[in-house]
Amino acid sequence: MKDNEVFERICRGEENALEYLYKKYYRMMTKLVISNSGTEQEAKDIYQDALVVFWQKATSGNLVLTSKISTYLYSICQNLWRKELDRKRRLSHEEKDGEEYIDVDTAERSKIITDCIGQLGDTCKKVLMFYYFDGLSMQDIADKLGFANTNTAKTKKYKCKKKLDELVKSQYSESDFLD
């Protein structure tokens, strides 16, 4: 099938045309992710998400295709993978930030942090305690506190940690943390 024929069939909502695309470009699209620090599963997920984006735009009637379908899909995959890598980097930085509190090695430091956590609101207190002291995953925290999903839990943890940082900085000086 030629690109314009496939595109027209997808615009009409013919799912078998989408399956055709999936198989035709699977290797090319997944190779993009795998060759850029991704796993096979992440590659599959990104490619499936890209196809959903393409399908939605095509069936809405708002997509004017000015390139080959493969080029368009490739750019969607690239953008989705960049966003995923950025998200992973942010999470990695958050986890490193958290290590500062996990590695508290003196009773005094522990007391300072615990006192400041005690001054936070109930939700923040629970989120931070569950994450840093109980070692719960974001999914477990979301479940325990009734958050919509893990992203909500991550956002809440980030905001609460920021509040905690500000609280510690406002009440204590750097010398309080030096041995």
N, C-alpha and C. Protein backbone atom coordinates (compact mmCIF):
# COMPACT_ATOMS: atom_id res chain seq x y z
N MET A 1 0.83 -1.19 0.00
CA MET A 1 0.00 0.00 0.00
C MET A 1 0.88 1.25 0.00
N LYS A 2 0.43 2.27 -0.69
CA LYS A 2 1.14 3.54 -0.73
C LYS A 2 0.67 4.41 0.44
N ASP A 3 1.52 5.35 0.80
CA ASP A 3 1.24 6.22 1.93
C ASP A 3 -0.13 6.90 1.84
N ASN A 4 -0.44 7.47 0.67
CA ASN A 4 -1.71 8.20 0.58
C ASN A 4 -2.91 7.27 0.75
N GLU A 5 -2.80 6.01 0.29
CA GLU A 5 -3.87 5.03 0.45
C GLU A 5 -4.03 4.66 1.93
N VAL A 6 -2.90 4.42 2.60
CA VAL A 6 -2.92 4.08 4.03
C VAL A 6 -3.52 5.24 4.81
N PHE A 7 -3.08 6.44 4.50
CA PHE A 7 -3.55 7.63 5.20
C PHE A 7 -5.07 7.80 5.03
N GLU A 8 -5.55 7.65 3.82
CA GLU A 8 -6.99 7.78 3.56
C GLU A 8 -7.78 6.73 4.34
N ARG A 9 -7.27 5.49 4.37
CA ARG A 9 -7.96 4.43 5.10
C ARG A 9 -8.00 4.72 6.60
N ILE A 10 -6.89 5.24 7.13
CA ILE A 10 -6.86 5.59 8.56
C ILE A 10 -7.82 6.74 8.84
N CYS A 11 -7.86 7.72 7.95
CA CYS A 11 -8.78 8.85 8.12
C CYS A 11 -10.24 8.37 8.17
N ARG A 12 -10.52 7.29 7.47
CA ARG A 12 -11.87 6.71 7.48
C ARG A 12 -12.10 5.81 8.70
N GLY A 13 -11.05 5.62 9.50
CA GLY A 13 -11.20 4.83 10.73
C GLY A 13 -10.98 3.34 10.54
N GLU A 14 -10.31 2.94 9.46
CA GLU A 14 -10.06 1.52 9.21
C GLU A 14 -8.87 1.05 10.05
N GLU A 15 -9.16 0.28 11.08
CA GLU A 15 -8.12 -0.15 12.01
C GLU A 15 -7.08 -1.07 11.38
N ASN A 16 -7.48 -1.84 10.35
CA ASN A 16 -6.50 -2.74 9.72
C ASN A 16 -5.38 -1.95 9.03
N ALA A 17 -5.66 -0.71 8.64
CA ALA A 17 -4.61 0.14 8.06
C ALA A 17 -3.61 0.54 9.15
N LEU A 18 -4.11 0.73 10.36
CA LEU A 18 -3.24 1.06 11.49
C LEU A 18 -2.36 -0.15 11.84
N GLU A 19 -2.95 -1.33 11.81
CA GLU A 19 -2.18 -2.56 12.06
C GLU A 19 -1.08 -2.71 11.03
N TYR A 20 -1.41 -2.39 9.78
CA TYR A 20 -0.43 -2.45 8.70
C TYR A 20 0.75 -1.53 9.02
N LEU A 21 0.45 -0.29 9.45
CA LEU A 21 1.51 0.66 9.81
C LEU A 21 2.34 0.14 10.97
N TYR A 22 1.66 -0.41 11.97
CA TYR A 22 2.34 -0.92 13.15
C TYR A 22 3.42 -1.92 12.75
N LYS A 23 3.03 -2.85 11.92
CA LYS A 23 3.98 -3.90 11.49
C LYS A 23 5.06 -3.34 10.56
N LYS A 24 4.66 -2.47 9.66
CA LYS A 24 5.60 -1.95 8.66
C LYS A 24 6.75 -1.15 9.29
N TYR A 25 6.44 -0.32 10.29
CA TYR A 25 7.46 0.56 10.84
C TYR A 25 7.91 0.18 12.25
N TYR A 26 7.48 -0.96 12.72
CA TYR A 26 7.81 -1.37 14.09
C TYR A 26 9.31 -1.32 14.36
N ARG A 27 10.09 -1.94 13.51
CA ARG A 27 11.55 -2.01 13.75
C ARG A 27 12.18 -0.64 13.77
N MET A 28 11.80 0.18 12.80
CA MET A 28 12.40 1.51 12.69
C MET A 28 12.09 2.35 13.94
N MET A 29 10.85 2.32 14.37
CA MET A 29 10.43 3.17 15.49
C MET A 29 10.98 2.67 16.83
N THR A 30 11.00 1.37 17.02
CA THR A 30 11.50 0.85 18.29
C THR A 30 13.03 0.97 18.36
N LYS A 31 13.68 0.91 17.22
CA LYS A 31 15.14 1.08 17.20
C LYS A 31 15.52 2.47 17.69
N LEU A 32 14.71 3.46 17.36
CA LEU A 32 14.95 4.83 17.81
C LEU A 32 15.06 4.88 19.34
N VAL A 33 14.11 4.26 20.02
CA VAL A 33 14.08 4.30 21.48
C VAL A 33 15.19 3.43 22.07
N ILE A 34 15.33 2.22 21.55
CA ILE A 34 16.33 1.29 22.08
C ILE A 34 17.74 1.85 21.91
N SER A 35 18.00 2.51 20.80
CA SER A 35 19.34 3.06 20.57
C SER A 35 19.58 4.35 21.37
N ASN A 36 18.55 4.83 22.03
CA ASN A 36 18.68 6.02 22.87
C ASN A 36 18.34 5.72 24.33
N SER A 37 18.96 4.66 24.86
CA SER A 37 18.86 4.29 26.28
C SER A 37 17.52 3.72 26.70
N GLY A 38 16.72 3.24 25.77
CA GLY A 38 15.43 2.68 26.13
C GLY A 38 15.42 1.17 26.09
N THR A 39 14.44 0.59 26.74
CA THR A 39 14.26 -0.86 26.72
C THR A 39 13.30 -1.23 25.59
N GLU A 40 13.21 -2.50 25.30
CA GLU A 40 12.28 -2.96 24.28
C GLU A 40 10.84 -2.63 24.66
N GLN A 41 10.51 -2.79 25.94
CA GLN A 41 9.15 -2.49 26.39
C GLN A 41 8.84 -1.00 26.27
N GLU A 42 9.81 -0.17 26.65
CA GLU A 42 9.61 1.28 26.51
C GLU A 42 9.43 1.65 25.04
N ALA A 43 10.20 1.00 24.17
CA ALA A 43 10.10 1.26 22.74
C ALA A 43 8.70 0.91 22.23
N LYS A 44 8.20 -0.26 22.64
CA LYS A 44 6.84 -0.66 22.23
C LYS A 44 5.81 0.34 22.71
N ASP A 45 5.93 0.76 23.97
CA ASP A 45 4.97 1.71 24.54
C ASP A 45 5.00 3.03 23.79
N ILE A 46 6.19 3.54 23.51
CA ILE A 46 6.32 4.82 22.81
C ILE A 46 5.72 4.71 21.41
N TYR A 47 6.03 3.61 20.73
CA TYR A 47 5.50 3.44 19.37
C TYR A 47 3.98 3.33 19.39
N GLN A 48 3.44 2.61 20.33
CA GLN A 48 1.98 2.50 20.43
C GLN A 48 1.35 3.87 20.73
N ASP A 49 1.98 4.61 21.62
CA ASP A 49 1.48 5.96 21.93
C ASP A 49 1.53 6.85 20.69
N ALA A 50 2.60 6.73 19.92
CA ALA A 50 2.75 7.53 18.70
C ALA A 50 1.65 7.18 17.70
N LEU A 51 1.36 5.90 17.58
CA LEU A 51 0.29 5.49 16.66
C LEU A 51 -1.07 6.01 17.11
N VAL A 52 -1.29 6.05 18.41
CA VAL A 52 -2.55 6.59 18.93
C VAL A 52 -2.66 8.08 18.58
N VAL A 53 -1.56 8.81 18.77
CA VAL A 53 -1.55 10.24 18.43
C VAL A 53 -1.86 10.41 16.94
N PHE A 54 -1.18 9.63 16.11
CA PHE A 54 -1.39 9.70 14.66
C PHE A 54 -2.84 9.38 14.31
N TRP A 55 -3.37 8.32 14.87
CA TRP A 55 -4.75 7.88 14.62
C TRP A 55 -5.74 8.99 15.00
N GLN A 56 -5.55 9.56 16.19
CA GLN A 56 -6.47 10.60 16.66
C GLN A 56 -6.44 11.83 15.76
N LYS A 57 -5.24 12.23 15.36
CA LYS A 57 -5.13 13.41 14.49
C LYS A 57 -5.72 13.12 13.10
N ALA A 58 -5.44 11.94 12.59
CA ALA A 58 -5.92 11.59 11.25
C ALA A 58 -7.44 11.46 11.22
N THR A 59 -8.00 10.78 12.20
CA THR A 59 -9.46 10.57 12.19
C THR A 59 -10.24 11.83 12.55
N SER A 60 -9.57 12.81 13.18
CA SER A 60 -10.25 14.07 13.50
C SER A 60 -10.46 14.92 12.25
N GLY A 61 -9.70 14.61 11.20
CA GLY A 61 -9.80 15.37 9.95
C GLY A 61 -8.94 16.63 9.97
N ASN A 62 -8.20 16.84 11.04
CA ASN A 62 -7.39 18.06 11.16
C ASN A 62 -5.94 17.86 10.73
N LEU A 63 -5.56 16.68 10.31
CA LEU A 63 -4.17 16.42 9.95
C LEU A 63 -3.98 16.56 8.45
N VAL A 64 -3.07 17.44 8.08
CA VAL A 64 -2.65 17.57 6.69
C VAL A 64 -1.24 17.00 6.64
N LEU A 65 -1.10 15.86 6.00
CA LEU A 65 0.18 15.17 5.97
C LEU A 65 1.08 15.78 4.89
N THR A 66 2.21 16.36 5.29
CA THR A 66 3.12 17.01 4.34
C THR A 66 4.42 16.24 4.19
N SER A 67 4.47 15.05 4.80
CA SER A 67 5.67 14.21 4.70
C SER A 67 5.21 12.76 4.59
N LYS A 68 6.19 11.87 4.50
CA LYS A 68 5.84 10.46 4.50
C LYS A 68 5.31 10.10 5.88
N ILE A 69 4.46 9.10 5.95
CA ILE A 69 3.91 8.66 7.23
C ILE A 69 5.03 8.25 8.17
N SER A 70 6.03 7.57 7.64
CA SER A 70 7.14 7.11 8.49
C SER A 70 7.87 8.29 9.12
N THR A 71 8.05 9.37 8.38
CA THR A 71 8.72 10.56 8.90
C THR A 71 7.89 11.19 10.01
N TYR A 72 6.59 11.26 9.78
CA TYR A 72 5.68 11.85 10.78
C TYR A 72 5.67 11.00 12.06
N LEU A 73 5.55 9.70 11.90
CA LEU A 73 5.55 8.80 13.06
C LEU A 73 6.88 8.88 13.82
N TYR A 74 7.96 8.95 13.06
CA TYR A 74 9.29 9.02 13.67
C TYR A 74 9.41 10.27 14.54
N SER A 75 8.91 11.40 14.03
CA SER A 75 9.00 12.64 14.81
C SER A 75 8.12 12.56 16.06
N ILE A 76 6.96 11.91 15.97
CA ILE A 76 6.12 11.74 17.16
C ILE A 76 6.86 10.87 18.18
N CYS A 77 7.45 9.77 17.72
CA CYS A 77 8.21 8.89 18.61
C CYS A 77 9.36 9.65 19.27
N GLN A 78 10.07 10.44 18.48
CA GLN A 78 11.19 11.22 19.02
C GLN A 78 10.71 12.15 20.13
N ASN A 79 9.64 12.86 19.87
CA ASN A 79 9.11 13.81 20.87
C ASN A 79 8.65 13.10 22.12
N LEU A 80 7.93 11.99 21.95
CA LEU A 80 7.45 11.23 23.12
C LEU A 80 8.62 10.68 23.92
N TRP A 81 9.65 10.19 23.23
CA TRP A 81 10.80 9.61 23.93
C TRP A 81 11.58 10.71 24.66
N ARG A 82 11.73 11.89 24.03
CA ARG A 82 12.41 13.01 24.71
C ARG A 82 11.68 13.37 26.00
N LYS A 83 10.36 13.44 25.92
CA LYS A 83 9.57 13.76 27.12
C LYS A 83 9.77 12.71 28.20
N GLU A 84 9.81 11.44 27.79
CA GLU A 84 10.00 10.35 28.75
C GLU A 84 11.39 10.44 29.39
N LEU A 85 12.41 10.72 28.59
CA LEU A 85 13.77 10.86 29.13
C LEU A 85 13.85 12.04 30.10
N ASP A 86 13.19 13.14 29.76
CA ASP A 86 13.16 14.30 30.66
C ASP A 86 12.49 13.93 31.97
N ARG A 87 11.39 13.20 31.89
CA ARG A 87 10.65 12.77 33.08
C ARG A 87 11.55 11.88 33.95
N LYS A 88 12.27 10.96 33.30
CA LYS A 88 13.17 10.07 34.04
C LYS A 88 14.29 10.86 34.73
N ARG A 89 14.84 11.86 34.02
CA ARG A 89 15.89 12.69 34.60
C ARG A 89 15.38 13.43 35.83
N ARG A 90 14.18 13.99 35.73
CA ARG A 90 13.60 14.71 36.88
C ARG A 90 13.42 13.77 38.06
N LEU A 91 12.91 12.56 37.79
CA LEU A 91 12.71 11.59 38.86
C LEU A 91 14.04 11.20 39.49
N SER A 92 15.05 11.04 38.66
CA SER A 92 16.37 10.67 39.14
C SER A 92 16.92 11.76 40.06
N HIS A 93 16.74 13.02 39.67
CA HIS A 93 17.19 14.13 40.51
C HIS A 93 16.43 14.17 41.82
N GLU A 94 15.12 13.92 41.76
CA GLU A 94 14.32 13.90 42.99
C GLU A 94 14.82 12.82 43.94
N GLU A 95 15.13 11.65 43.38
CA GLU A 95 15.61 10.56 44.22
C GLU A 95 16.94 10.92 44.86
N LYS A 96 17.82 11.59 44.11
CA LYS A 96 19.11 12.01 44.67
C LYS A 96 18.89 13.04 45.76
N ASP A 97 17.93 13.96 45.54
CA ASP A 97 17.60 14.94 46.58
C ASP A 97 17.16 14.22 47.84
N GLY A 98 16.39 13.17 47.67
CA GLY A 98 15.87 12.42 48.81
C GLY A 98 16.96 11.75 49.61
N GLU A 99 18.04 11.38 48.96
CA GLU A 99 19.13 10.70 49.66
C GLU A 99 19.72 11.57 50.76
N GLU A 100 19.61 12.88 50.60
CA GLU A 100 20.13 13.77 51.64
C GLU A 100 19.43 13.47 52.96
N TYR A 101 18.14 13.19 52.91
CA TYR A 101 17.38 12.95 54.12
C TYR A 101 17.51 11.51 54.59
N ILE A 102 17.67 10.60 53.67
CA ILE A 102 17.82 9.19 54.05
C ILE A 102 19.16 8.97 54.75
N ASP A 103 20.18 9.70 54.33
CA ASP A 103 21.52 9.51 54.87
C ASP A 103 21.79 10.33 56.13
N VAL A 104 20.76 10.80 56.77
CA VAL A 104 20.93 11.57 58.00
C VAL A 104 21.66 10.68 58.99
N ASP A 105 22.83 11.15 59.46
CA ASP A 105 23.67 10.26 60.26
C ASP A 105 23.82 10.67 61.71
N THR A 106 23.24 11.77 62.12
CA THR A 106 23.35 12.11 63.53
C THR A 106 21.97 12.26 64.13
N ALA A 107 21.88 12.06 65.41
CA ALA A 107 20.60 12.19 66.11
C ALA A 107 20.07 13.62 65.99
N GLU A 108 20.98 14.58 66.04
CA GLU A 108 20.58 15.99 65.96
C GLU A 108 19.95 16.31 64.60
N ARG A 109 20.59 15.87 63.57
CA ARG A 109 20.04 16.09 62.21
C ARG A 109 18.67 15.45 62.10
N SER A 110 18.56 14.25 62.59
CA SER A 110 17.29 13.53 62.54
C SER A 110 16.22 14.31 63.29
N LYS A 111 16.59 14.83 64.43
CA LYS A 111 15.63 15.58 65.25
C LYS A 111 15.16 16.84 64.51
N ILE A 112 16.08 17.54 63.89
CA ILE A 112 15.74 18.76 63.14
C ILE A 112 14.74 18.44 62.03
N ILE A 113 15.06 17.41 61.25
CA ILE A 113 14.19 17.03 60.14
C ILE A 113 12.83 16.58 60.65
N THR A 114 12.81 15.74 61.67
CA THR A 114 11.56 15.25 62.23
C THR A 114 10.71 16.39 62.78
N ASP A 115 11.36 17.34 63.47
CA ASP A 115 10.63 18.51 63.99
C ASP A 115 9.98 19.30 62.86
N CYS A 116 10.72 19.52 61.80
CA CYS A 116 10.19 20.29 60.67
C CYS A 116 9.08 19.54 59.95
N ILE A 117 9.23 18.24 59.80
CA ILE A 117 8.16 17.45 59.18
C ILE A 117 6.90 17.56 60.03
N GLY A 118 7.07 17.57 61.35
CA GLY A 118 5.93 17.69 62.26
C GLY A 118 5.18 19.00 62.09
N GLN A 119 5.83 20.02 61.55
CA GLN A 119 5.19 21.32 61.35
C GLN A 119 4.43 21.41 60.03
N LEU A 120 4.60 20.41 59.18
CA LEU A 120 3.90 20.40 57.89
C LEU A 120 2.47 19.94 58.08
N GLY A 121 1.67 20.13 57.06
CA GLY A 121 0.29 19.64 57.09
C GLY A 121 0.27 18.12 57.13
N ASP A 122 -0.88 17.59 57.47
CA ASP A 122 -1.03 16.14 57.64
C ASP A 122 -0.66 15.35 56.38
N THR A 123 -1.14 15.81 55.22
CA THR A 123 -0.86 15.09 53.97
C THR A 123 0.63 15.09 53.67
N CYS A 124 1.26 16.26 53.78
CA CYS A 124 2.70 16.34 53.52
C CYS A 124 3.47 15.45 54.49
N LYS A 125 3.07 15.50 55.74
CA LYS A 125 3.72 14.68 56.75
C LYS A 125 3.67 13.20 56.34
N LYS A 126 2.49 12.75 55.95
CA LYS A 126 2.32 11.34 55.56
C LYS A 126 3.13 11.00 54.32
N VAL A 127 3.04 11.85 53.30
CA VAL A 127 3.76 11.59 52.04
C VAL A 127 5.25 11.44 52.30
N LEU A 128 5.83 12.40 53.02
CA LEU A 128 7.27 12.38 53.27
C LEU A 128 7.69 11.22 54.17
N MET A 129 6.90 10.95 55.19
CA MET A 129 7.22 9.83 56.09
C MET A 129 7.13 8.51 55.32
N PHE A 130 6.07 8.33 54.56
CA PHE A 130 5.91 7.09 53.78
C PHE A 130 7.08 6.91 52.81
N TYR A 131 7.47 8.00 52.15
CA TYR A 131 8.51 7.88 51.12
C TYR A 131 9.91 7.73 51.72
N TYR A 132 10.29 8.68 52.59
CA TYR A 132 11.67 8.70 53.07
C TYR A 132 11.94 7.75 54.23
N PHE A 133 10.98 7.56 55.09
CA PHE A 133 11.24 6.74 56.28
C PHE A 133 10.71 5.31 56.15
N ASP A 134 9.55 5.16 55.49
CA ASP A 134 9.00 3.82 55.31
C ASP A 134 9.44 3.17 54.00
N GLY A 135 9.99 3.98 53.10
CA GLY A 135 10.48 3.45 51.82
C GLY A 135 9.38 2.98 50.89
N LEU A 136 8.17 3.54 51.01
CA LEU A 136 7.08 3.11 50.14
C LEU A 136 7.26 3.66 48.73
N SER A 137 6.73 2.93 47.76
CA SER A 137 6.78 3.39 46.38
C SER A 137 5.70 4.45 46.16
N MET A 138 5.82 5.19 45.08
CA MET A 138 4.83 6.22 44.76
C MET A 138 3.45 5.59 44.57
N GLN A 139 3.41 4.40 43.99
CA GLN A 139 2.13 3.71 43.80
C GLN A 139 1.50 3.38 45.15
N ASP A 140 2.30 2.87 46.09
CA ASP A 140 1.78 2.55 47.42
C ASP A 140 1.28 3.81 48.13
N ILE A 141 2.02 4.90 47.99
CA ILE A 141 1.62 6.16 48.62
C ILE A 141 0.31 6.65 48.01
N ALA A 142 0.22 6.58 46.68
CA ALA A 142 -1.02 7.01 46.00
C ALA A 142 -2.20 6.18 46.49
N ASP A 143 -2.00 4.87 46.62
CA ASP A 143 -3.07 3.98 47.10
C ASP A 143 -3.46 4.31 48.54
N LYS A 144 -2.46 4.45 49.40
CA LYS A 144 -2.73 4.70 50.83
C LYS A 144 -3.46 6.02 51.06
N LEU A 145 -3.08 7.04 50.29
CA LEU A 145 -3.63 8.37 50.52
C LEU A 145 -4.79 8.72 49.58
N GLY A 146 -5.15 7.78 48.71
CA GLY A 146 -6.30 8.00 47.83
C GLY A 146 -6.04 8.99 46.71
N PHE A 147 -4.77 9.12 46.28
CA PHE A 147 -4.47 10.00 45.16
C PHE A 147 -4.91 9.33 43.87
N ALA A 148 -5.16 10.15 42.85
CA ALA A 148 -5.66 9.63 41.57
C ALA A 148 -4.67 8.65 40.92
N ASN A 149 -3.36 8.96 41.01
CA ASN A 149 -2.36 8.10 40.38
C ASN A 149 -0.97 8.43 40.95
N THR A 150 0.04 7.74 40.42
CA THR A 150 1.41 7.95 40.94
C THR A 150 1.92 9.34 40.61
N ASN A 151 1.49 9.92 39.48
CA ASN A 151 1.95 11.26 39.14
C ASN A 151 1.49 12.28 40.18
N THR A 152 0.26 12.11 40.67
CA THR A 152 -0.24 13.00 41.72
C THR A 152 0.61 12.85 42.97
N ALA A 153 0.94 11.61 43.31
CA ALA A 153 1.78 11.36 44.50
C ALA A 153 3.16 11.97 44.32
N LYS A 154 3.75 11.85 43.13
CA LYS A 154 5.08 12.41 42.86
C LYS A 154 5.05 13.93 42.99
N THR A 155 4.00 14.55 42.42
CA THR A 155 3.88 16.00 42.48
C THR A 155 3.73 16.46 43.92
N LYS A 156 2.90 15.75 44.67
CA LYS A 156 2.69 16.10 46.08
C LYS A 156 3.99 15.96 46.86
N LYS A 157 4.73 14.87 46.63
CA LYS A 157 6.00 14.66 47.33
C LYS A 157 6.98 15.78 47.00
N TYR A 158 7.04 16.15 45.74
CA TYR A 158 7.94 17.22 45.32
C TYR A 158 7.60 18.53 46.04
N LYS A 159 6.31 18.88 46.04
CA LYS A 159 5.88 20.13 46.68
C LYS A 159 6.11 20.09 48.19
N CYS A 160 5.83 18.95 48.80
CA CYS A 160 6.02 18.81 50.25
C CYS A 160 7.50 18.89 50.60
N LYS A 161 8.34 18.29 49.80
CA LYS A 161 9.78 18.33 50.05
C LYS A 161 10.29 19.75 49.93
N LYS A 162 9.76 20.47 48.96
CA LYS A 162 10.13 21.87 48.78
C LYS A 162 9.73 22.68 50.02
N LYS A 163 8.51 22.44 50.52
CA LYS A 163 8.06 23.12 51.75
C LYS A 163 8.98 22.78 52.92
N LEU A 164 9.33 21.50 53.01
CA LEU A 164 10.21 21.06 54.10
C LEU A 164 11.57 21.75 54.00
N ASP A 165 12.12 21.81 52.80
CA ASP A 165 13.41 22.48 52.59
C ASP A 165 13.33 23.94 53.05
N GLU A 166 12.26 24.63 52.64
CA GLU A 166 12.11 26.04 53.02
C GLU A 166 11.98 26.18 54.53
N LEU A 167 11.24 25.27 55.15
CA LEU A 167 11.05 25.30 56.59
C LEU A 167 12.38 25.10 57.33
N VAL A 168 13.15 24.12 56.90
CA VAL A 168 14.45 23.86 57.52
C VAL A 168 15.36 25.07 57.35
N LYS A 169 15.40 25.63 56.15
CA LYS A 169 16.27 26.78 55.89
C LYS A 169 15.85 28.02 56.69
N SER A 170 14.54 28.16 56.92
CA SER A 170 14.07 29.33 57.66
C SER A 170 14.35 29.21 59.16
N GLN A 171 14.46 28.00 59.67
CA GLN A 171 14.60 27.80 61.12
C GLN A 171 16.02 27.42 61.57
N TYR A 172 16.82 26.95 60.63
CA TYR A 172 18.15 26.48 61.00
C TYR A 172 19.17 27.03 60.03
N SER A 173 20.41 27.12 60.47
CA SER A 173 21.48 27.56 59.59
C SER A 173 22.30 26.36 59.17
N GLU A 174 23.18 26.58 58.20
CA GLU A 174 24.02 25.48 57.70
C GLU A 174 24.89 24.89 58.82
N SER A 175 25.28 25.74 59.74
CA SER A 175 26.16 25.26 60.81
C SER A 175 25.46 24.23 61.72
N ASP A 176 24.13 24.27 61.75
CA ASP A 176 23.38 23.28 62.54
C ASP A 176 23.58 21.87 61.99
N PHE A 177 23.98 21.80 60.71
CA PHE A 177 24.12 20.49 60.06
C PHE A 177 25.56 20.05 59.94
N LEU A 178 26.49 20.85 60.37
CA LEU A 178 27.89 20.48 60.26
C LEU A 178 28.33 19.75 61.51
N ASP A 179 29.17 18.74 61.33
CA ASP A 179 29.66 17.96 62.48
C ASP A 179 30.70 18.72 63.25
